[in-house]
Amino acid sequence: MGHAGAAAAAVRYLRSSGGAPAAQPVEALPRPELRCVADDERAPVDQGQFRHVLGHFATGVTVITAPAAVGEPGPAGFACQSFSALSLDPPLVVFMVGRTSTTWPRIARAGVFCVNVLGAHQGELCRGFAVSGRDKFAGVPYDASPVSGSPRLTGAAAWIDCTIHAVHTGGDHLIVVGRVDALGAEDPDGAPLLFHRGRFL
């Protein structure tokens, strides 16, 4: 699938009609064979060097969660560093997820998500959500966020409840834009969990 075709398949705008948004599932992209540099080309930047240099940029840490869609065994979630505010009017946020992620299609089918901003004491919780092939919610206390019903993790510093607004391709990742429907800060004075040069701060 070419870049234009992938973009056309990825971008989905969801409708809302007053009051609570009526979330519609976003069609997940097929798992692509990713190759941005041809076999006879040299990559412009070594991937190891890219990771090393970009690792000097400290980021906050979140867990993106979504309720179980129809036919799913339970809620979905993954640890995410690539999260940011995008727009104040309308209120939009954005996160990036690998196009080969097995969790993303489940979030796409739900059409909604909650960003759980982790506090400094939640490093182990983050590690649990960074591992695939297991029940990430086992033993993890949470309640339902008020609009989407996505898991709101107990003890998170803040939460942002969203409807998927648009999805764009960005190399080997997807850029997921969320429209903010509700949000809150449970521990406004608490220290954040930060990730820098391969470790939590």
N, C-alpha and C. Protein backbone atom coordinates (compact mmCIF):
# COMPACT_ATOMS: atom_id res chain seq x y z
N MET A 1 0.85 -1.19 0.00
CA MET A 1 0.00 0.00 0.00
C MET A 1 0.89 1.24 0.00
N GLY A 2 0.72 2.14 -0.99
CA GLY A 2 1.52 3.36 -1.04
C GLY A 2 1.15 4.33 0.06
N HIS A 3 1.99 5.38 0.19
CA HIS A 3 1.76 6.34 1.27
C HIS A 3 0.40 7.03 1.11
N ALA A 4 0.07 7.41 -0.13
CA ALA A 4 -1.21 8.08 -0.36
C ALA A 4 -2.37 7.15 -0.04
N GLY A 5 -2.24 5.89 -0.44
CA GLY A 5 -3.30 4.93 -0.16
C GLY A 5 -3.44 4.68 1.33
N ALA A 6 -2.30 4.61 2.03
CA ALA A 6 -2.34 4.39 3.47
C ALA A 6 -2.99 5.57 4.17
N ALA A 7 -2.67 6.78 3.70
CA ALA A 7 -3.26 7.97 4.30
C ALA A 7 -4.77 7.98 4.07
N ALA A 8 -5.17 7.63 2.87
CA ALA A 8 -6.60 7.62 2.57
C ALA A 8 -7.33 6.60 3.43
N ALA A 9 -6.68 5.47 3.69
CA ALA A 9 -7.31 4.44 4.52
C ALA A 9 -7.31 4.83 5.98
N ALA A 10 -6.30 5.63 6.40
CA ALA A 10 -6.14 5.92 7.82
C ALA A 10 -7.03 7.06 8.30
N VAL A 11 -7.19 8.07 7.47
CA VAL A 11 -7.87 9.28 7.96
C VAL A 11 -9.36 9.04 8.08
N ARG A 12 -9.88 9.14 9.29
CA ARG A 12 -11.31 8.98 9.54
C ARG A 12 -11.78 10.10 10.46
N TYR A 13 -12.75 10.84 10.00
CA TYR A 13 -13.32 11.87 10.86
C TYR A 13 -14.63 11.36 11.44
N LEU A 14 -14.77 11.49 12.74
CA LEU A 14 -15.94 10.97 13.43
C LEU A 14 -16.93 12.09 13.70
N ARG A 15 -18.21 11.77 13.54
CA ARG A 15 -19.25 12.77 13.73
C ARG A 15 -19.64 12.87 15.20
N SER A 16 -20.09 14.06 15.57
CA SER A 16 -20.70 14.23 16.90
C SER A 16 -21.94 15.09 16.71
N SER A 17 -22.92 14.89 17.58
CA SER A 17 -24.18 15.64 17.44
C SER A 17 -24.65 16.09 18.81
N GLY A 18 -24.15 17.24 19.24
CA GLY A 18 -24.59 17.81 20.52
C GLY A 18 -24.37 16.86 21.67
N GLY A 19 -24.24 17.35 22.85
CA GLY A 19 -24.11 16.52 24.05
C GLY A 19 -22.94 15.58 23.93
N ALA A 20 -23.14 14.35 24.40
CA ALA A 20 -22.08 13.35 24.36
C ALA A 20 -21.83 12.93 22.93
N PRO A 21 -20.56 12.77 22.52
CA PRO A 21 -20.24 12.40 21.16
C PRO A 21 -20.65 10.97 20.86
N ALA A 22 -21.12 10.75 19.64
CA ALA A 22 -21.48 9.40 19.20
C ALA A 22 -20.27 8.81 18.50
N ALA A 23 -19.46 8.08 19.25
CA ALA A 23 -18.21 7.55 18.70
C ALA A 23 -18.49 6.49 17.66
N GLN A 24 -17.74 6.55 16.57
CA GLN A 24 -17.81 5.54 15.53
C GLN A 24 -16.44 4.89 15.43
N PRO A 25 -16.38 3.59 15.26
CA PRO A 25 -15.08 2.93 15.16
C PRO A 25 -14.27 3.46 13.99
N VAL A 26 -12.96 3.48 14.17
CA VAL A 26 -12.04 3.89 13.11
C VAL A 26 -11.46 2.63 12.50
N GLU A 27 -11.52 2.52 11.19
CA GLU A 27 -10.99 1.33 10.53
C GLU A 27 -9.48 1.29 10.71
N ALA A 28 -8.98 0.20 11.28
CA ALA A 28 -7.55 0.06 11.51
C ALA A 28 -6.84 -0.29 10.20
N LEU A 29 -5.64 0.26 10.02
CA LEU A 29 -4.85 -0.06 8.83
C LEU A 29 -4.38 -1.50 8.88
N PRO A 30 -4.23 -2.15 7.73
CA PRO A 30 -3.61 -3.47 7.72
C PRO A 30 -2.15 -3.35 8.15
N ARG A 31 -1.61 -4.42 8.70
CA ARG A 31 -0.21 -4.39 9.12
C ARG A 31 0.66 -4.29 7.87
N PRO A 32 1.41 -3.21 7.72
CA PRO A 32 2.16 -3.00 6.48
C PRO A 32 3.55 -3.63 6.53
N GLU A 33 4.12 -3.85 5.36
CA GLU A 33 5.53 -4.17 5.28
C GLU A 33 6.25 -2.84 5.14
N LEU A 34 6.88 -2.40 6.22
CA LEU A 34 7.44 -1.05 6.26
C LEU A 34 8.85 -1.05 5.69
N ARG A 35 9.06 -0.25 4.69
CA ARG A 35 10.38 -0.10 4.10
C ARG A 35 10.46 1.29 3.51
N CYS A 36 11.07 2.23 4.25
CA CYS A 36 11.16 3.61 3.79
C CYS A 36 12.40 3.86 2.95
N VAL A 37 13.39 2.96 3.05
CA VAL A 37 14.62 3.10 2.28
C VAL A 37 14.78 1.85 1.43
N ALA A 38 14.97 2.03 0.14
CA ALA A 38 15.09 0.90 -0.76
C ALA A 38 16.36 0.12 -0.46
N ASP A 39 16.40 -1.14 -0.94
CA ASP A 39 17.54 -2.01 -0.66
C ASP A 39 18.85 -1.44 -1.17
N ASP A 40 18.79 -0.68 -2.27
CA ASP A 40 20.02 -0.15 -2.85
C ASP A 40 20.34 1.26 -2.35
N GLU A 41 19.60 1.73 -1.35
CA GLU A 41 19.84 3.05 -0.77
C GLU A 41 20.49 2.92 0.60
N ARG A 42 21.15 3.96 0.99
CA ARG A 42 21.70 4.03 2.34
C ARG A 42 20.78 4.90 3.17
N ALA A 43 20.39 4.42 4.36
CA ALA A 43 19.54 5.22 5.23
C ALA A 43 20.25 6.54 5.56
N PRO A 44 19.52 7.67 5.50
CA PRO A 44 20.17 8.97 5.76
C PRO A 44 20.68 9.09 7.19
N VAL A 45 20.07 8.39 8.13
CA VAL A 45 20.48 8.45 9.53
C VAL A 45 20.45 7.04 10.10
N ASP A 46 21.49 6.66 10.80
CA ASP A 46 21.53 5.36 11.44
C ASP A 46 20.45 5.29 12.53
N GLN A 47 19.68 4.19 12.56
CA GLN A 47 18.58 4.09 13.51
C GLN A 47 19.07 4.11 14.96
N GLY A 48 20.19 3.46 15.21
CA GLY A 48 20.74 3.47 16.57
C GLY A 48 21.12 4.87 17.02
N GLN A 49 21.75 5.63 16.11
CA GLN A 49 22.12 7.01 16.44
C GLN A 49 20.87 7.86 16.63
N PHE A 50 19.86 7.61 15.80
CA PHE A 50 18.60 8.35 15.92
C PHE A 50 18.00 8.15 17.31
N ARG A 51 17.91 6.89 17.76
CA ARG A 51 17.36 6.60 19.08
C ARG A 51 18.21 7.26 20.18
N HIS A 52 19.52 7.16 20.04
CA HIS A 52 20.42 7.71 21.07
C HIS A 52 20.27 9.22 21.21
N VAL A 53 20.28 9.91 20.09
CA VAL A 53 20.22 11.38 20.13
C VAL A 53 18.84 11.84 20.60
N LEU A 54 17.78 11.26 20.05
CA LEU A 54 16.43 11.67 20.46
C LEU A 54 16.13 11.31 21.90
N GLY A 55 16.86 10.32 22.44
CA GLY A 55 16.69 9.94 23.82
C GLY A 55 17.08 11.03 24.81
N HIS A 56 17.81 12.03 24.35
CA HIS A 56 18.19 13.15 25.20
C HIS A 56 17.02 14.10 25.47
N PHE A 57 15.94 13.92 24.72
CA PHE A 57 14.77 14.75 24.92
C PHE A 57 13.87 14.06 25.94
N ALA A 58 13.76 14.63 27.13
CA ALA A 58 12.94 14.04 28.18
C ALA A 58 11.46 14.19 27.85
N THR A 59 10.70 13.13 28.10
CA THR A 59 9.26 13.17 27.81
C THR A 59 8.48 12.73 29.04
N GLY A 60 7.23 13.16 29.09
CA GLY A 60 6.30 12.61 30.05
C GLY A 60 5.88 11.22 29.60
N VAL A 61 5.21 10.50 30.48
CA VAL A 61 4.80 9.14 30.16
C VAL A 61 3.30 9.00 30.41
N THR A 62 2.60 8.38 29.48
CA THR A 62 1.16 8.17 29.60
C THR A 62 0.82 6.71 29.33
N VAL A 63 -0.38 6.34 29.70
CA VAL A 63 -0.96 5.07 29.26
C VAL A 63 -2.26 5.42 28.54
N ILE A 64 -2.35 5.01 27.28
CA ILE A 64 -3.55 5.23 26.48
C ILE A 64 -4.45 4.01 26.65
N THR A 65 -5.69 4.23 27.06
CA THR A 65 -6.62 3.12 27.28
C THR A 65 -7.88 3.31 26.44
N ALA A 66 -8.57 2.21 26.22
CA ALA A 66 -9.86 2.25 25.50
C ALA A 66 -10.74 1.15 26.05
N PRO A 67 -12.05 1.36 26.04
CA PRO A 67 -12.96 0.31 26.51
C PRO A 67 -12.99 -0.86 25.54
N ALA A 68 -13.47 -1.98 26.00
CA ALA A 68 -13.59 -3.15 25.13
C ALA A 68 -14.62 -2.88 24.04
N ALA A 69 -14.23 -3.04 22.80
CA ALA A 69 -15.17 -2.93 21.69
C ALA A 69 -15.96 -4.23 21.60
N VAL A 70 -16.99 -4.24 20.76
CA VAL A 70 -17.81 -5.44 20.59
C VAL A 70 -16.93 -6.60 20.15
N GLY A 71 -17.03 -7.71 20.86
CA GLY A 71 -16.25 -8.89 20.52
C GLY A 71 -14.88 -8.95 21.17
N GLU A 72 -14.47 -7.87 21.87
CA GLU A 72 -13.17 -7.86 22.52
C GLU A 72 -13.29 -8.47 23.92
N PRO A 73 -12.23 -9.15 24.40
CA PRO A 73 -12.30 -9.78 25.72
C PRO A 73 -12.21 -8.80 26.88
N GLY A 74 -11.69 -7.62 26.64
CA GLY A 74 -11.53 -6.65 27.72
C GLY A 74 -10.98 -5.36 27.17
N PRO A 75 -10.70 -4.39 28.05
CA PRO A 75 -10.19 -3.10 27.59
C PRO A 75 -8.79 -3.22 26.99
N ALA A 76 -8.39 -2.18 26.29
CA ALA A 76 -7.07 -2.14 25.64
C ALA A 76 -6.26 -1.01 26.24
N GLY A 77 -4.94 -1.15 26.18
CA GLY A 77 -4.09 -0.08 26.68
C GLY A 77 -2.63 -0.31 26.34
N PHE A 78 -1.88 0.78 26.22
CA PHE A 78 -0.44 0.67 25.98
C PHE A 78 0.26 1.90 26.53
N ALA A 79 1.53 1.73 26.90
CA ALA A 79 2.35 2.84 27.39
C ALA A 79 2.78 3.71 26.22
N CYS A 80 2.71 5.02 26.40
CA CYS A 80 2.97 5.95 25.29
C CYS A 80 3.71 7.18 25.77
N GLN A 81 4.87 7.44 25.17
CA GLN A 81 5.62 8.67 25.46
C GLN A 81 5.29 9.77 24.47
N SER A 82 4.86 9.39 23.27
CA SER A 82 4.66 10.38 22.20
C SER A 82 3.25 10.94 22.27
N PHE A 83 3.01 11.76 23.28
CA PHE A 83 1.71 12.40 23.48
C PHE A 83 1.93 13.89 23.63
N SER A 84 0.98 14.68 23.13
CA SER A 84 1.11 16.14 23.24
C SER A 84 -0.24 16.81 23.08
N ALA A 85 -0.36 18.00 23.65
CA ALA A 85 -1.50 18.86 23.34
C ALA A 85 -1.33 19.35 21.91
N LEU A 86 -2.43 19.55 21.20
CA LEU A 86 -2.36 19.96 19.80
C LEU A 86 -3.06 21.28 19.56
N SER A 87 -4.27 21.45 20.09
CA SER A 87 -5.07 22.63 19.78
C SER A 87 -5.90 23.01 21.00
N LEU A 88 -6.05 24.32 21.21
CA LEU A 88 -6.90 24.82 22.29
C LEU A 88 -8.33 25.00 21.83
N ASP A 89 -8.52 25.44 20.58
CA ASP A 89 -9.85 25.69 20.05
C ASP A 89 -9.94 25.14 18.63
N PRO A 90 -10.50 23.95 18.45
CA PRO A 90 -11.12 23.09 19.46
C PRO A 90 -10.07 22.37 20.29
N PRO A 91 -10.45 21.85 21.45
CA PRO A 91 -9.47 21.16 22.28
C PRO A 91 -9.10 19.80 21.67
N LEU A 92 -7.85 19.69 21.21
CA LEU A 92 -7.37 18.47 20.57
C LEU A 92 -6.05 18.04 21.20
N VAL A 93 -5.84 16.75 21.28
CA VAL A 93 -4.56 16.19 21.70
C VAL A 93 -4.12 15.20 20.62
N VAL A 94 -2.88 14.75 20.72
CA VAL A 94 -2.35 13.84 19.71
C VAL A 94 -1.42 12.83 20.37
N PHE A 95 -1.45 11.59 19.88
CA PHE A 95 -0.43 10.63 20.27
C PHE A 95 -0.03 9.84 19.03
N MET A 96 1.16 9.25 19.10
CA MET A 96 1.67 8.45 18.00
C MET A 96 1.76 6.99 18.43
N VAL A 97 1.45 6.09 17.51
CA VAL A 97 1.49 4.66 17.79
C VAL A 97 2.06 3.96 16.57
N GLY A 98 2.88 2.94 16.80
CA GLY A 98 3.46 2.18 15.70
C GLY A 98 2.41 1.52 14.84
N ARG A 99 2.62 1.52 13.54
CA ARG A 99 1.63 0.96 12.62
C ARG A 99 1.51 -0.55 12.77
N THR A 100 2.48 -1.20 13.40
CA THR A 100 2.41 -2.64 13.62
C THR A 100 1.89 -2.98 15.02
N SER A 101 1.45 -1.98 15.77
CA SER A 101 0.93 -2.22 17.11
C SER A 101 -0.27 -3.15 17.08
N THR A 102 -0.32 -4.11 18.00
CA THR A 102 -1.48 -4.99 18.09
C THR A 102 -2.58 -4.37 18.95
N THR A 103 -2.24 -3.35 19.74
CA THR A 103 -3.23 -2.68 20.58
C THR A 103 -4.00 -1.63 19.80
N TRP A 104 -3.34 -0.94 18.87
CA TRP A 104 -4.00 0.14 18.14
C TRP A 104 -5.30 -0.29 17.45
N PRO A 105 -5.35 -1.45 16.75
CA PRO A 105 -6.64 -1.80 16.12
C PRO A 105 -7.78 -1.90 17.12
N ARG A 106 -7.50 -2.31 18.35
CA ARG A 106 -8.55 -2.41 19.37
C ARG A 106 -9.03 -1.02 19.78
N ILE A 107 -8.09 -0.08 19.89
CA ILE A 107 -8.48 1.30 20.21
C ILE A 107 -9.26 1.90 19.05
N ALA A 108 -8.81 1.61 17.83
CA ALA A 108 -9.51 2.12 16.64
C ALA A 108 -10.94 1.61 16.58
N ARG A 109 -11.14 0.34 16.91
CA ARG A 109 -12.50 -0.22 16.88
C ARG A 109 -13.38 0.43 17.94
N ALA A 110 -12.79 0.79 19.09
CA ALA A 110 -13.57 1.46 20.13
C ALA A 110 -13.95 2.88 19.70
N GLY A 111 -13.06 3.55 18.97
CA GLY A 111 -13.34 4.91 18.50
C GLY A 111 -13.12 5.99 19.54
N VAL A 112 -12.69 5.60 20.73
CA VAL A 112 -12.48 6.54 21.84
C VAL A 112 -11.25 6.08 22.63
N PHE A 113 -10.74 6.99 23.47
CA PHE A 113 -9.60 6.61 24.32
C PHE A 113 -9.48 7.58 25.48
N CYS A 114 -8.72 7.17 26.49
CA CYS A 114 -8.40 8.04 27.62
C CYS A 114 -6.89 8.07 27.78
N VAL A 115 -6.34 9.27 27.91
CA VAL A 115 -4.92 9.44 28.18
C VAL A 115 -4.74 9.52 29.69
N ASN A 116 -3.99 8.59 30.25
CA ASN A 116 -3.68 8.59 31.67
C ASN A 116 -2.26 9.11 31.85
N VAL A 117 -2.12 10.31 32.40
CA VAL A 117 -0.80 10.91 32.62
C VAL A 117 -0.24 10.35 33.92
N LEU A 118 0.89 9.65 33.85
CA LEU A 118 1.41 8.94 35.00
C LEU A 118 2.22 9.83 35.92
N GLY A 119 2.13 9.51 37.21
CA GLY A 119 2.92 10.20 38.22
C GLY A 119 4.24 9.50 38.45
N ALA A 120 5.14 10.14 39.19
CA ALA A 120 6.50 9.65 39.39
C ALA A 120 6.54 8.27 40.04
N HIS A 121 5.49 7.91 40.77
CA HIS A 121 5.46 6.64 41.49
C HIS A 121 4.94 5.48 40.64
N GLN A 122 4.64 5.72 39.37
CA GLN A 122 3.97 4.71 38.56
C GLN A 122 4.85 4.07 37.48
N GLY A 123 6.15 3.99 37.75
CA GLY A 123 7.05 3.37 36.79
C GLY A 123 6.73 1.91 36.51
N GLU A 124 6.44 1.14 37.55
CA GLU A 124 6.12 -0.27 37.36
C GLU A 124 4.83 -0.45 36.58
N LEU A 125 3.85 0.41 36.85
CA LEU A 125 2.60 0.36 36.10
C LEU A 125 2.88 0.57 34.62
N CYS A 126 3.73 1.55 34.32
CA CYS A 126 4.08 1.83 32.93
C CYS A 126 4.74 0.62 32.28
N ARG A 127 5.66 -0.03 32.99
CA ARG A 127 6.33 -1.21 32.43
C ARG A 127 5.33 -2.31 32.10
N GLY A 128 4.32 -2.47 32.95
CA GLY A 128 3.30 -3.47 32.68
C GLY A 128 2.54 -3.23 31.41
N PHE A 129 2.29 -1.95 31.09
CA PHE A 129 1.55 -1.61 29.88
C PHE A 129 2.46 -1.56 28.65
N ALA A 130 3.76 -1.70 28.85
CA ALA A 130 4.69 -1.69 27.72
C ALA A 130 4.95 -3.09 27.19
N VAL A 131 4.43 -4.11 27.88
CA VAL A 131 4.65 -5.50 27.49
C VAL A 131 3.44 -6.02 26.72
N SER A 132 3.68 -6.69 25.62
CA SER A 132 2.57 -7.25 24.84
C SER A 132 2.37 -8.72 25.19
N GLY A 133 1.21 -9.24 24.80
CA GLY A 133 0.93 -10.65 24.99
C GLY A 133 0.55 -11.04 26.40
N ARG A 134 -0.04 -10.11 27.15
CA ARG A 134 -0.49 -10.43 28.50
C ARG A 134 -1.69 -9.56 28.84
N ASP A 135 -2.38 -9.91 29.93
CA ASP A 135 -3.50 -9.09 30.39
C ASP A 135 -2.92 -7.91 31.16
N LYS A 136 -2.85 -6.77 30.50
CA LYS A 136 -2.21 -5.60 31.10
C LYS A 136 -3.01 -5.02 32.26
N PHE A 137 -4.28 -5.33 32.33
CA PHE A 137 -5.14 -4.75 33.38
C PHE A 137 -5.26 -5.65 34.61
N ALA A 138 -4.61 -6.82 34.59
CA ALA A 138 -4.70 -7.73 35.73
C ALA A 138 -4.13 -7.06 36.98
N GLY A 139 -4.95 -6.94 38.01
CA GLY A 139 -4.51 -6.34 39.26
C GLY A 139 -4.36 -4.84 39.24
N VAL A 140 -4.77 -4.19 38.15
CA VAL A 140 -4.65 -2.73 38.02
C VAL A 140 -6.00 -2.09 38.33
N PRO A 141 -6.09 -1.29 39.40
CA PRO A 141 -7.38 -0.65 39.71
C PRO A 141 -7.68 0.51 38.77
N TYR A 142 -8.92 0.62 38.35
CA TYR A 142 -9.35 1.72 37.48
C TYR A 142 -10.85 1.85 37.57
N ASP A 143 -11.33 3.02 37.11
CA ASP A 143 -12.77 3.21 36.93
C ASP A 143 -13.00 3.70 35.51
N ALA A 144 -14.24 3.96 35.16
CA ALA A 144 -14.57 4.37 33.80
C ALA A 144 -14.52 5.89 33.67
N SER A 145 -13.86 6.38 32.65
CA SER A 145 -13.86 7.81 32.39
C SER A 145 -15.29 8.23 32.03
N PRO A 146 -15.65 9.49 32.30
CA PRO A 146 -17.07 9.87 32.28
C PRO A 146 -17.77 9.86 30.93
N VAL A 147 -17.05 10.09 29.85
CA VAL A 147 -17.72 10.18 28.54
C VAL A 147 -17.52 8.91 27.73
N SER A 148 -16.28 8.49 27.56
CA SER A 148 -16.01 7.34 26.70
C SER A 148 -16.12 6.01 27.41
N GLY A 149 -16.01 6.01 28.75
CA GLY A 149 -15.98 4.76 29.49
C GLY A 149 -14.65 4.05 29.43
N SER A 150 -13.63 4.72 28.88
CA SER A 150 -12.29 4.13 28.84
C SER A 150 -11.73 4.01 30.25
N PRO A 151 -10.86 3.02 30.51
CA PRO A 151 -10.28 2.88 31.84
C PRO A 151 -9.51 4.13 32.27
N ARG A 152 -9.84 4.62 33.45
CA ARG A 152 -9.14 5.75 34.07
C ARG A 152 -8.35 5.15 35.24
N LEU A 153 -7.04 5.09 35.10
CA LEU A 153 -6.20 4.35 36.03
C LEU A 153 -6.10 5.07 37.38
N THR A 154 -6.32 4.32 38.43
CA THR A 154 -6.24 4.88 39.77
C THR A 154 -4.82 5.37 40.06
N GLY A 155 -4.72 6.57 40.60
CA GLY A 155 -3.42 7.13 40.96
C GLY A 155 -2.74 7.93 39.88
N ALA A 156 -3.31 7.95 38.66
CA ALA A 156 -2.71 8.76 37.59
C ALA A 156 -2.80 10.24 37.96
N ALA A 157 -1.80 11.00 37.55
CA ALA A 157 -1.76 12.42 37.90
C ALA A 157 -2.88 13.19 37.21
N ALA A 158 -3.23 12.79 35.99
CA ALA A 158 -4.28 13.47 35.24
C ALA A 158 -4.85 12.52 34.21
N TRP A 159 -6.03 12.85 33.68
CA TRP A 159 -6.65 12.03 32.66
C TRP A 159 -7.34 12.93 31.64
N ILE A 160 -7.37 12.47 30.38
CA ILE A 160 -8.00 13.21 29.29
C ILE A 160 -8.84 12.23 28.50
N ASP A 161 -10.15 12.44 28.50
CA ASP A 161 -11.11 11.54 27.86
C ASP A 161 -11.40 12.05 26.45
N CYS A 162 -11.23 11.20 25.44
CA CYS A 162 -11.25 11.68 24.06
C CYS A 162 -12.04 10.78 23.12
N THR A 163 -12.49 11.40 22.02
CA THR A 163 -13.02 10.69 20.86
C THR A 163 -12.00 10.81 19.74
N ILE A 164 -11.76 9.74 19.00
CA ILE A 164 -10.82 9.82 17.88
C ILE A 164 -11.39 10.78 16.83
N HIS A 165 -10.60 11.78 16.50
CA HIS A 165 -11.02 12.82 15.57
C HIS A 165 -10.46 12.58 14.17
N ALA A 166 -9.20 12.16 14.09
CA ALA A 166 -8.56 11.90 12.80
C ALA A 166 -7.34 11.03 13.03
N VAL A 167 -6.94 10.33 11.97
CA VAL A 167 -5.73 9.50 12.00
C VAL A 167 -4.95 9.77 10.73
N HIS A 168 -3.66 10.04 10.88
CA HIS A 168 -2.79 10.32 9.74
C HIS A 168 -1.58 9.40 9.78
N THR A 169 -1.00 9.11 8.62
CA THR A 169 0.22 8.32 8.59
C THR A 169 1.42 9.22 8.82
N GLY A 170 2.43 8.67 9.47
CA GLY A 170 3.70 9.37 9.71
C GLY A 170 4.83 8.37 9.70
N GLY A 171 5.29 7.98 8.50
CA GLY A 171 6.34 6.97 8.42
C GLY A 171 5.85 5.63 8.96
N ASP A 172 6.59 5.06 9.92
CA ASP A 172 6.20 3.76 10.47
C ASP A 172 5.24 3.91 11.65
N HIS A 173 4.73 5.12 11.88
CA HIS A 173 3.76 5.37 12.95
C HIS A 173 2.48 5.98 12.40
N LEU A 174 1.44 5.95 13.23
CA LEU A 174 0.21 6.67 12.96
C LEU A 174 0.11 7.84 13.92
N ILE A 175 -0.43 8.94 13.44
CA ILE A 175 -0.64 10.15 14.24
C ILE A 175 -2.13 10.21 14.55
N VAL A 176 -2.48 9.97 15.80
CA VAL A 176 -3.88 9.88 16.20
C VAL A 176 -4.29 11.17 16.90
N VAL A 177 -5.27 11.86 16.33
CA VAL A 177 -5.76 13.11 16.90
C VAL A 177 -7.05 12.81 17.66
N GLY A 178 -7.11 13.29 18.91
CA GLY A 178 -8.30 13.08 19.72
C GLY A 178 -8.98 14.38 20.09
N ARG A 179 -10.30 14.40 20.01
CA ARG A 179 -11.07 15.55 20.48
C ARG A 179 -11.37 15.35 21.96
N VAL A 180 -11.01 16.32 22.78
CA VAL A 180 -11.15 16.19 24.22
C VAL A 180 -12.60 16.42 24.62
N ASP A 181 -13.16 15.44 25.33
CA ASP A 181 -14.54 15.53 25.79
C ASP A 181 -14.65 15.81 27.28
N ALA A 182 -13.64 15.41 28.05
CA ALA A 182 -13.61 15.64 29.50
C ALA A 182 -12.18 15.44 29.96
N LEU A 183 -11.81 16.04 31.08
CA LEU A 183 -10.46 15.90 31.60
C LEU A 183 -10.41 16.32 33.06
N GLY A 184 -9.37 15.92 33.73
CA GLY A 184 -9.22 16.28 35.13
C GLY A 184 -7.82 15.96 35.62
N ALA A 185 -7.43 16.63 36.72
CA ALA A 185 -6.13 16.40 37.35
C ALA A 185 -6.39 15.88 38.75
N GLU A 186 -6.03 14.63 38.99
CA GLU A 186 -6.26 14.02 40.30
C GLU A 186 -5.20 14.43 41.31
N ASP A 187 -3.98 14.68 40.83
CA ASP A 187 -2.87 15.02 41.72
C ASP A 187 -2.11 16.19 41.10
N PRO A 188 -2.71 17.40 41.12
CA PRO A 188 -2.12 18.53 40.40
C PRO A 188 -0.75 18.94 40.91
N ASP A 189 -0.40 18.59 42.16
CA ASP A 189 0.89 18.99 42.70
C ASP A 189 1.91 17.85 42.69
N GLY A 190 1.52 16.69 42.20
CA GLY A 190 2.42 15.54 42.20
C GLY A 190 3.48 15.63 41.11
N ALA A 191 4.61 14.97 41.34
CA ALA A 191 5.69 14.95 40.35
C ALA A 191 5.32 14.01 39.21
N PRO A 192 5.68 14.36 37.97
CA PRO A 192 5.35 13.51 36.83
C PRO A 192 6.37 12.39 36.66
N LEU A 193 5.96 11.34 35.97
CA LEU A 193 6.90 10.29 35.55
C LEU A 193 7.54 10.76 34.25
N LEU A 194 8.87 10.82 34.23
CA LEU A 194 9.60 11.27 33.05
C LEU A 194 10.49 10.15 32.53
N PHE A 195 10.71 10.15 31.23
CA PHE A 195 11.58 9.16 30.59
C PHE A 195 12.69 9.91 29.87
N HIS A 196 13.93 9.51 30.15
CA HIS A 196 15.08 10.22 29.59
C HIS A 196 16.25 9.25 29.42
N ARG A 197 16.76 9.15 28.21
CA ARG A 197 17.93 8.33 27.90
C ARG A 197 17.75 6.89 28.38
N GLY A 198 16.55 6.34 28.11
CA GLY A 198 16.31 4.93 28.36
C GLY A 198 15.91 4.57 29.78
N ARG A 199 15.65 5.57 30.63
CA ARG A 199 15.24 5.23 31.99
C ARG A 199 14.27 6.27 32.52
N PHE A 200 13.53 5.88 33.57
CA PHE A 200 12.60 6.78 34.22
C PHE A 200 13.36 7.71 35.16
N LEU A 201 12.86 8.94 35.28
CA LEU A 201 13.43 9.91 36.21
C LEU A 201 12.47 10.15 37.35
